[in-house]
């Protein structure tokens, strides 16, 4: 029997062996997926727990699931953080989806000098909320135990000031500069790494002053092959190679 998969939003309720989905997930389960009472369900909380059970009440506003078992998984190590310049349009949605699927632990959107996006206030909050839903959908589709943490967007200068270099952290920046080193050679030199932070710039690349600031903060410039990549391709490339190597 096929198993449906859902996500434990804050509006959900857990009582002993009973789980009640929030309105959004209940509607999706009943109206979109056409789930019925008696069918199997896996519910992810994005924090390492998976709830397995079956539907006992298929109401569109409050699906009730009888919990049969709970599985808990450990976080992946080392921790991988993506420092991503915010691109225009829906490209950020694609980047967040891929970062979630590949297994990033954290995503920090940043504003850069040559970036195309400088939104603020309510528009920014609304955008972040939509991005979170995109990541949750990717988490559900792949059945991931942990949902990456999406941080509030800040300028690259603000982030660098608030996060000085730390022992056990490897910092990499995708670079178009001729002096950039090999990604694999740089990874090979990493010893006892507990966190990897990868930075990807805008389509127009980081400015000279931003590269200077990144290198002062111990970001090592690395090449991503011979070709110039789009921002979303660079993010997926860098995260994938780091994931496979480490």
C-alpha atoms as a PDB file:
ATOM      1  CA  UNK A   1       0.000   0.000   0.000  1.00  0.00           C
ATOM      2  CA  UNK A   2       1.338   3.449  -0.908  1.00  0.00           C
ATOM      3  CA  UNK A   3       2.199   5.760   1.972  1.00  0.00           C
ATOM      4  CA  UNK A   4       1.273   9.437   1.893  1.00  0.00           C
ATOM      5  CA  UNK A   5       3.774  11.959   3.248  1.00  0.00           C
ATOM      6  CA  UNK A   6       2.993  15.153   5.154  1.00  0.00           C
ATOM      7  CA  UNK A   7       4.735  17.828   7.229  1.00  0.00           C
ATOM      8  CA  UNK A   8       4.217  18.854  10.829  1.00  0.00           C
ATOM      9  CA  UNK A   9       3.484  22.594  10.671  1.00  0.00           C
ATOM     10  CA  UNK A  10       3.198  24.625  13.925  1.00  0.00           C
ATOM     11  CA  UNK A  11      -0.610  24.383  13.740  1.00  0.00           C
ATOM     12  CA  UNK A  12      -0.516  20.584  14.052  1.00  0.00           C
ATOM     13  CA  UNK A  13      -1.320  18.844  17.340  1.00  0.00           C
ATOM     14  CA  UNK A  14       0.265  15.737  18.894  1.00  0.00           C
ATOM     15  CA  UNK A  15      -1.482  13.961  21.769  1.00  0.00           C
ATOM     16  CA  UNK A  16      -0.167  10.598  22.970  1.00  0.00           C
ATOM     17  CA  UNK A  17      -0.679   8.307  19.928  1.00  0.00           C
ATOM     18  CA  UNK A  18      -2.804  10.773  17.955  1.00  0.00           C
ATOM     19  CA  UNK A  19      -1.584  13.423  15.496  1.00  0.00           C
ATOM     20  CA  UNK A  20      -3.838  16.100  13.961  1.00  0.00           C
ATOM     21  CA  UNK A  21      -2.534  17.874  10.865  1.00  0.00           C
ATOM     22  CA  UNK A  22      -2.994  21.637  10.438  1.00  0.00           C
ATOM     23  CA  UNK A  23      -5.552  23.062   7.984  1.00  0.00           C
ATOM     24  CA  UNK A  24      -3.067  23.486   5.111  1.00  0.00           C
ATOM     25  CA  UNK A  25      -1.734  19.929   5.213  1.00  0.00           C
ATOM     26  CA  UNK A  26      -5.167  18.449   5.920  1.00  0.00           C
ATOM     27  CA  UNK A  27      -6.647  20.148   2.844  1.00  0.00           C
ATOM     28  CA  UNK A  28      -3.736  18.979   0.687  1.00  0.00           C
ATOM     29  CA  UNK A  29      -4.004  15.431   2.014  1.00  0.00           C
ATOM     30  CA  UNK A  30      -7.767  15.100   1.449  1.00  0.00           C
ATOM     31  CA  UNK A  31      -8.579  17.429  -1.479  1.00  0.00           C
ATOM     32  CA  UNK A  32      -5.390  17.092  -3.534  1.00  0.00           C
ATOM     33  CA  UNK A  33      -3.973  13.657  -2.721  1.00  0.00           C
ATOM     34  CA  UNK A  34      -7.436  12.145  -2.137  1.00  0.00           C
ATOM     35  CA  UNK A  35      -6.262  10.284   0.964  1.00  0.00           C
ATOM     36  CA  UNK A  36      -8.901   8.304   2.856  1.00  0.00           C
ATOM     37  CA  UNK A  37      -9.319   6.787   6.295  1.00  0.00           C
ATOM     38  CA  UNK A  38      -7.214   3.679   6.798  1.00  0.00           C
ATOM     39  CA  UNK A  39      -4.394   4.757   4.470  1.00  0.00           C
ATOM     40  CA  UNK A  40      -0.787   4.932   5.656  1.00  0.00           C
ATOM     41  CA  UNK A  41       0.898   8.268   6.386  1.00  0.00           C
ATOM     42  CA  UNK A  42       4.434   9.416   7.156  1.00  0.00           C
ATOM     43  CA  UNK A  43       4.657  12.822   8.861  1.00  0.00           C
ATOM     44  CA  UNK A  44       7.970  14.708   8.995  1.00  0.00           C
ATOM     45  CA  UNK A  45       8.700  17.381  11.590  1.00  0.00           C
ATOM     46  CA  UNK A  46      11.883  18.703   9.921  1.00  0.00           C
ATOM     47  CA  UNK A  47      13.777  18.214  13.189  1.00  0.00           C
ATOM     48  CA  UNK A  48      14.779  14.583  12.839  1.00  0.00           C
ATOM     49  CA  UNK A  49      11.532  12.795  13.744  1.00  0.00           C
ATOM     50  CA  UNK A  50       9.257  10.781  11.446  1.00  0.00           C
ATOM     51  CA  UNK A  51       5.812   9.725  12.577  1.00  0.00           C
ATOM     52  CA  UNK A  52       4.360   6.619  10.913  1.00  0.00           C
ATOM     53  CA  UNK A  53       0.683   5.778  11.191  1.00  0.00           C
ATOM     54  CA  UNK A  54      -2.657   5.614   9.424  1.00  0.00           C
ATOM     55  CA  UNK A  55      -5.522   8.043   8.906  1.00  0.00           C
ATOM     56  CA  UNK A  56      -8.483   7.504  11.230  1.00  0.00           C
ATOM     57  CA  UNK A  57     -10.409  10.665  10.280  1.00  0.00           C
ATOM     58  CA  UNK A  58     -10.025  12.239   6.807  1.00  0.00           C
ATOM     59  CA  UNK A  59     -11.502  15.683   7.391  1.00  0.00           C
ATOM     60  CA  UNK A  60     -10.317  18.430   5.028  1.00  0.00           C
ATOM     61  CA  UNK A  61      -9.687  20.823   7.936  1.00  0.00           C
ATOM     62  CA  UNK A  62      -8.234  18.387  10.471  1.00  0.00           C
ATOM     63  CA  UNK A  63      -6.867  15.023   9.337  1.00  0.00           C
ATOM     64  CA  UNK A  64      -6.295  12.742  12.317  1.00  0.00           C
ATOM     65  CA  UNK A  65      -3.516  10.152  12.233  1.00  0.00           C
ATOM     66  CA  UNK A  66      -3.058   7.298  14.680  1.00  0.00           C
ATOM     67  CA  UNK A  67       0.674   7.067  15.378  1.00  0.00           C
ATOM     68  CA  UNK A  68       2.090   3.543  15.138  1.00  0.00           C
ATOM     69  CA  UNK A  69       5.801   4.309  15.466  1.00  0.00           C
ATOM     70  CA  UNK A  70       8.293   7.170  15.618  1.00  0.00           C
ATOM     71  CA  UNK A  71      11.728   7.142  13.998  1.00  0.00           C
ATOM     72  CA  UNK A  72      14.442   9.645  14.931  1.00  0.00           C
ATOM     73  CA  UNK A  73      17.540  10.359  12.863  1.00  0.00           C
ATOM     74  CA  UNK A  74      20.773  12.181  13.662  1.00  0.00           C
ATOM     75  CA  UNK A  75      21.926  15.352  11.935  1.00  0.00           C
ATOM     76  CA  UNK A  76      24.421  14.986   9.126  1.00  0.00           C
ATOM     77  CA  UNK A  77      27.983  16.088   9.761  1.00  0.00           C
ATOM     78  CA  UNK A  78      29.798  18.234   8.946  1.00  0.00           C
ATOM     79  CA  UNK A  79      27.231  21.020   8.882  1.00  0.00           C
ATOM     80  CA  UNK A  80      26.995  22.722   5.462  1.00  0.00           C
ATOM     81  CA  UNK A  81      25.816  26.332   5.146  1.00  0.00           C
ATOM     82  CA  UNK A  82      25.039  28.079   1.857  1.00  0.00           C
ATOM     83  CA  UNK A  83      25.708  31.812   1.721  1.00  0.00           C
ATOM     84  CA  UNK A  84      23.690  32.803  -1.358  1.00  0.00           C
ATOM     85  CA  UNK A  85      23.373  36.169  -3.113  1.00  0.00           C
ATOM     86  CA  UNK A  86      19.652  36.653  -3.783  1.00  0.00           C
ATOM     87  CA  UNK A  87      18.932  36.392  -7.538  1.00  0.00           C
ATOM     88  CA  UNK A  88      15.974  37.931  -9.345  1.00  0.00           C
ATOM     89  CA  UNK A  89      12.717  36.201 -10.224  1.00  0.00           C
ATOM     90  CA  UNK A  90      12.059  32.653  -9.050  1.00  0.00           C
ATOM     91  CA  UNK A  91      15.666  31.518  -9.252  1.00  0.00           C
ATOM     92  CA  UNK A  92      16.001  31.619  -5.459  1.00  0.00           C
ATOM     93  CA  UNK A  93      13.147  29.106  -5.178  1.00  0.00           C
ATOM     94  CA  UNK A  94      15.106  26.704  -7.373  1.00  0.00           C
ATOM     95  CA  UNK A  95      18.298  27.228  -5.374  1.00  0.00           C
ATOM     96  CA  UNK A  96      16.509  26.607  -2.075  1.00  0.00           C
ATOM     97  CA  UNK A  97      14.850  23.488  -3.439  1.00  0.00           C
ATOM     98  CA  UNK A  98      18.179  22.064  -4.609  1.00  0.00           C
ATOM     99  CA  UNK A  99      19.974  23.055  -1.393  1.00  0.00           C
ATOM    100  CA  UNK A 100      17.290  21.226   0.599  1.00  0.00           C
ATOM    101  CA  UNK A 101      17.461  18.114  -1.561  1.00  0.00           C
ATOM    102  CA  UNK A 102      21.267  17.962  -1.488  1.00  0.00           C
ATOM    103  CA  UNK A 103      21.330  18.267   2.287  1.00  0.00           C
ATOM    104  CA  UNK A 104      22.425  21.775   3.305  1.00  0.00           C
ATOM    105  CA  UNK A 105      21.830  22.410   7.011  1.00  0.00           C
ATOM    106  CA  UNK A 106      21.435  26.164   6.704  1.00  0.00           C
ATOM    107  CA  UNK A 107      20.852  28.792   4.015  1.00  0.00           C
ATOM    108  CA  UNK A 108      21.764  32.443   4.489  1.00  0.00           C
ATOM    109  CA  UNK A 109      20.393  34.725   1.725  1.00  0.00           C
ATOM    110  CA  UNK A 110      22.576  37.817   1.285  1.00  0.00           C
ATOM    111  CA  UNK A 111      22.329  41.149  -0.509  1.00  0.00           C
ATOM    112  CA  UNK A 112      25.390  41.957  -2.638  1.00  0.00           C
ATOM    113  CA  UNK A 113      26.552  45.021  -4.554  1.00  0.00           C
ATOM    114  CA  UNK A 114      25.859  43.544  -7.986  1.00  0.00           C
ATOM    115  CA  UNK A 115      22.813  41.538  -6.975  1.00  0.00           C
ATOM    116  CA  UNK A 116      19.477  42.270  -8.654  1.00  0.00           C
ATOM    117  CA  UNK A 117      17.346  42.135  -5.498  1.00  0.00           C
ATOM    118  CA  UNK A 118      17.222  44.675  -2.658  1.00  0.00           C
ATOM    119  CA  UNK A 119      13.735  44.125  -1.207  1.00  0.00           C
ATOM    120  CA  UNK A 120      12.910  45.202   2.348  1.00  0.00           C
ATOM    121  CA  UNK A 121      10.130  45.333   4.938  1.00  0.00           C
ATOM    122  CA  UNK A 122       6.878  43.410   4.473  1.00  0.00           C
ATOM    123  CA  UNK A 123       7.807  42.346   0.939  1.00  0.00           C
ATOM    124  CA  UNK A 124      10.945  40.715   2.273  1.00  0.00           C
ATOM    125  CA  UNK A 125       9.078  38.909   5.066  1.00  0.00           C
ATOM    126  CA  UNK A 126       6.499  37.659   2.572  1.00  0.00           C
ATOM    127  CA  UNK A 127       9.251  36.428   0.265  1.00  0.00           C
ATOM    128  CA  UNK A 128      10.984  34.567   3.100  1.00  0.00           C
ATOM    129  CA  UNK A 129       7.705  32.879   4.094  1.00  0.00           C
ATOM    130  CA  UNK A 130       7.227  31.650   0.515  1.00  0.00           C
ATOM    131  CA  UNK A 131      10.806  30.407   0.406  1.00  0.00           C
ATOM    132  CA  UNK A 132      10.219  28.396   3.583  1.00  0.00           C
ATOM    133  CA  UNK A 133       7.200  26.691   2.009  1.00  0.00           C
ATOM    134  CA  UNK A 134       9.322  25.850  -1.052  1.00  0.00           C
ATOM    135  CA  UNK A 135      11.901  24.184   1.196  1.00  0.00           C
ATOM    136  CA  UNK A 136       9.223  22.265   3.102  1.00  0.00           C
ATOM    137  CA  UNK A 137       7.773  20.932  -0.156  1.00  0.00           C
ATOM    138  CA  UNK A 138      11.258  19.765  -1.176  1.00  0.00           C
ATOM    139  CA  UNK A 139      11.713  18.176   2.247  1.00  0.00           C
ATOM    140  CA  UNK A 140       8.407  16.290   1.882  1.00  0.00           C
ATOM    141  CA  UNK A 141       9.134  15.161  -1.661  1.00  0.00           C
ATOM    142  CA  UNK A 142      12.528  13.715  -0.714  1.00  0.00           C
ATOM    143  CA  UNK A 143      11.498  12.414   2.697  1.00  0.00           C
ATOM    144  CA  UNK A 144      14.251  14.343   4.487  1.00  0.00           C
ATOM    145  CA  UNK A 145      14.513  14.128   8.251  1.00  0.00           C
ATOM    146  CA  UNK A 146      15.854  17.662   8.675  1.00  0.00           C
ATOM    147  CA  UNK A 147      14.587  20.881   7.107  1.00  0.00           C
ATOM    148  CA  UNK A 148      17.421  23.372   6.453  1.00  0.00           C
ATOM    149  CA  UNK A 149      17.278  26.519   8.555  1.00  0.00           C
ATOM    150  CA  UNK A 150      16.474  29.565   6.414  1.00  0.00           C
ATOM    151  CA  UNK A 151      17.941  32.700   7.959  1.00  0.00           C
ATOM    152  CA  UNK A 152      16.737  36.270   7.520  1.00  0.00           C
ATOM    153  CA  UNK A 153      18.424  37.975   4.543  1.00  0.00           C
ATOM    154  CA  UNK A 154      21.214  40.425   5.396  1.00  0.00           C
ATOM    155  CA  UNK A 155      23.920  42.271   3.485  1.00  0.00           C
ATOM    156  CA  UNK A 156      27.162  40.419   2.928  1.00  0.00           C
ATOM    157  CA  UNK A 157      28.947  43.053   5.036  1.00  0.00           C
ATOM    158  CA  UNK A 158      26.565  42.483   7.953  1.00  0.00           C
ATOM    159  CA  UNK A 159      27.031  38.723   7.806  1.00  0.00           C
ATOM    160  CA  UNK A 160      30.827  38.894   7.672  1.00  0.00           C
ATOM    161  CA  UNK A 161      30.913  41.312  10.615  1.00  0.00           C
ATOM    162  CA  UNK A 162      28.678  39.067  12.708  1.00  0.00           C
ATOM    163  CA  UNK A 163      30.470  35.820  11.829  1.00  0.00           C
ATOM    164  CA  UNK A 164      34.249  35.997  12.271  1.00  0.00           C
ATOM    165  CA  UNK A 165      36.322  32.942  11.296  1.00  0.00           C
ATOM    166  CA  UNK A 166      36.015  30.010  13.691  1.00  0.00           C
ATOM    167  CA  UNK A 167      38.177  26.961  14.342  1.00  0.00           C
ATOM    168  CA  UNK A 168      36.968  23.836  12.565  1.00  0.00           C
ATOM    169  CA  UNK A 169      35.139  25.793   9.864  1.00  0.00           C
ATOM    170  CA  UNK A 170      36.079  25.651   6.191  1.00  0.00           C
ATOM    171  CA  UNK A 171      34.979  28.661   4.133  1.00  0.00           C
ATOM    172  CA  UNK A 172      34.768  28.496   0.346  1.00  0.00           C
ATOM    173  CA  UNK A 173      33.655  31.038  -2.226  1.00  0.00           C
ATOM    174  CA  UNK A 174      32.867  30.183  -5.847  1.00  0.00           C
ATOM    175  CA  UNK A 175      35.190  32.511  -7.727  1.00  0.00           C
ATOM    176  CA  UNK A 176      35.789  33.634 -11.303  1.00  0.00           C
ATOM    177  CA  UNK A 177      39.173  35.122 -10.384  1.00  0.00           C
ATOM    178  CA  UNK A 178      42.213  33.605 -12.123  1.00  0.00           C
ATOM    179  CA  UNK A 179      43.941  33.066  -8.774  1.00  0.00           C
ATOM    180  CA  UNK A 180      41.207  30.699  -7.556  1.00  0.00           C
ATOM    181  CA  UNK A 181      42.295  27.249  -6.468  1.00  0.00           C
ATOM    182  CA  UNK A 182      40.938  23.814  -7.293  1.00  0.00           C
ATOM    183  CA  UNK A 183      37.818  22.905  -5.314  1.00  0.00           C
ATOM    184  CA  UNK A 184      38.948  19.305  -4.755  1.00  0.00           C
ATOM    185  CA  UNK A 185      42.487  20.312  -3.784  1.00  0.00           C
ATOM    186  CA  UNK A 186      41.107  22.816  -1.277  1.00  0.00           C
ATOM    187  CA  UNK A 187      38.764  20.206   0.216  1.00  0.00           C
ATOM    188  CA  UNK A 188      41.657  17.746   0.468  1.00  0.00           C
ATOM    189  CA  UNK A 189      43.524  20.148   2.758  1.00  0.00           C
ATOM    190  CA  UNK A 190      40.601  20.385   5.199  1.00  0.00           C
ATOM    191  CA  UNK A 191      41.261  18.661   8.523  1.00  0.00           C
ATOM    192  CA  UNK A 192      38.771  17.998  11.364  1.00  0.00           C
ATOM    193  CA  UNK A 193      36.086  20.127   9.756  1.00  0.00           C
ATOM    194  CA  UNK A 194      32.813  20.514  11.668  1.00  0.00           C
ATOM    195  CA  UNK A 195      31.237  23.088   9.345  1.00  0.00           C
ATOM    196  CA  UNK A 196      31.615  24.078   5.702  1.00  0.00           C
ATOM    197  CA  UNK A 197      30.322  27.465   4.540  1.00  0.00           C
ATOM    198  CA  UNK A 198      30.042  27.965   0.782  1.00  0.00           C
ATOM    199  CA  UNK A 199      29.405  31.383  -0.757  1.00  0.00           C
ATOM    200  CA  UNK A 200      27.853  31.920  -4.196  1.00  0.00           C
ATOM    201  CA  UNK A 201      27.630  35.387  -5.716  1.00  0.00           C
ATOM    202  CA  UNK A 202      25.208  37.050  -8.151  1.00  0.00           C
ATOM    203  CA  UNK A 203      25.228  36.673 -11.935  1.00  0.00           C
ATOM    204  CA  UNK A 204      27.575  39.667 -12.114  1.00  0.00           C
ATOM    205  CA  UNK A 205      29.898  38.028  -9.543  1.00  0.00           C
ATOM    206  CA  UNK A 206      31.133  39.529  -6.290  1.00  0.00           C
ATOM    207  CA  UNK A 207      32.858  42.891  -6.563  1.00  0.00           C
ATOM    208  CA  UNK A 208      36.584  43.316  -5.911  1.00  0.00           C
ATOM    209  CA  UNK A 209      35.862  44.842  -2.492  1.00  0.00           C
ATOM    210  CA  UNK A 210      33.540  41.935  -1.608  1.00  0.00           C
ATOM    211  CA  UNK A 211      36.214  39.412  -2.591  1.00  0.00           C
ATOM    212  CA  UNK A 212      38.674  41.288  -0.390  1.00  0.00           C
ATOM    213  CA  UNK A 213      36.252  41.164   2.541  1.00  0.00           C
ATOM    214  CA  UNK A 214      35.524  37.465   1.973  1.00  0.00           C
ATOM    215  CA  UNK A 215      39.200  36.545   1.870  1.00  0.00           C
ATOM    216  CA  UNK A 216      39.849  38.634   4.985  1.00  0.00           C
ATOM    217  CA  UNK A 217      37.188  36.448   6.626  1.00  0.00           C
ATOM    218  CA  UNK A 218      39.150  33.340   5.507  1.00  0.00           C
ATOM    219  CA  UNK A 219      36.962  32.396   2.544  1.00  0.00           C
ATOM    220  CA  UNK A 220      39.121  30.503   0.068  1.00  0.00           C
ATOM    221  CA  UNK A 221      38.323  31.214  -3.615  1.00  0.00           C
ATOM    222  CA  UNK A 222      37.703  28.023  -5.618  1.00  0.00           C
ATOM    223  CA  UNK A 223      37.041  27.251  -9.277  1.00  0.00           C
ATOM    224  CA  UNK A 224      33.935  25.378 -10.396  1.00  0.00           C
ATOM    225  CA  UNK A 225      35.304  23.871 -13.583  1.00  0.00           C
ATOM    226  CA  UNK A 226      36.309  25.749 -16.730  1.00  0.00           C
ATOM    227  CA  UNK A 227      32.925  27.270 -17.586  1.00  0.00           C
ATOM    228  CA  UNK A 228      31.145  30.317 -16.191  1.00  0.00           C
ATOM    229  CA  UNK A 229      28.048  28.997 -14.397  1.00  0.00           C
ATOM    230  CA  UNK A 230      24.697  30.555 -13.642  1.00  0.00           C
ATOM    231  CA  UNK A 231      24.092  31.316  -9.977  1.00  0.00           C
ATOM    232  CA  UNK A 232      21.731  28.366  -9.436  1.00  0.00           C
ATOM    233  CA  UNK A 233      24.077  25.960 -11.243  1.00  0.00           C
ATOM    234  CA  UNK A 234      27.035  27.167  -9.175  1.00  0.00           C
ATOM    235  CA  UNK A 235      25.142  26.609  -5.924  1.00  0.00           C
ATOM    236  CA  UNK A 236      24.110  23.069  -6.906  1.00  0.00           C
ATOM    237  CA  UNK A 237      27.603  22.253  -8.178  1.00  0.00           C
ATOM    238  CA  UNK A 238      29.379  23.502  -5.066  1.00  0.00           C
ATOM    239  CA  UNK A 239      26.969  21.868  -2.608  1.00  0.00           C
ATOM    240  CA  UNK A 240      27.041  18.563  -4.480  1.00  0.00           C
ATOM    241  CA  UNK A 241      30.819  18.286  -4.642  1.00  0.00           C
ATOM    242  CA  UNK A 242      31.210  19.255  -0.988  1.00  0.00           C
ATOM    243  CA  UNK A 243      28.514  16.723  -0.009  1.00  0.00           C
ATOM    244  CA  UNK A 244      30.127  13.886  -1.962  1.00  0.00           C
ATOM    245  CA  UNK A 245      33.663  14.669  -0.825  1.00  0.00           C
ATOM    246  CA  UNK A 246      32.917  15.053   2.875  1.00  0.00           C
END
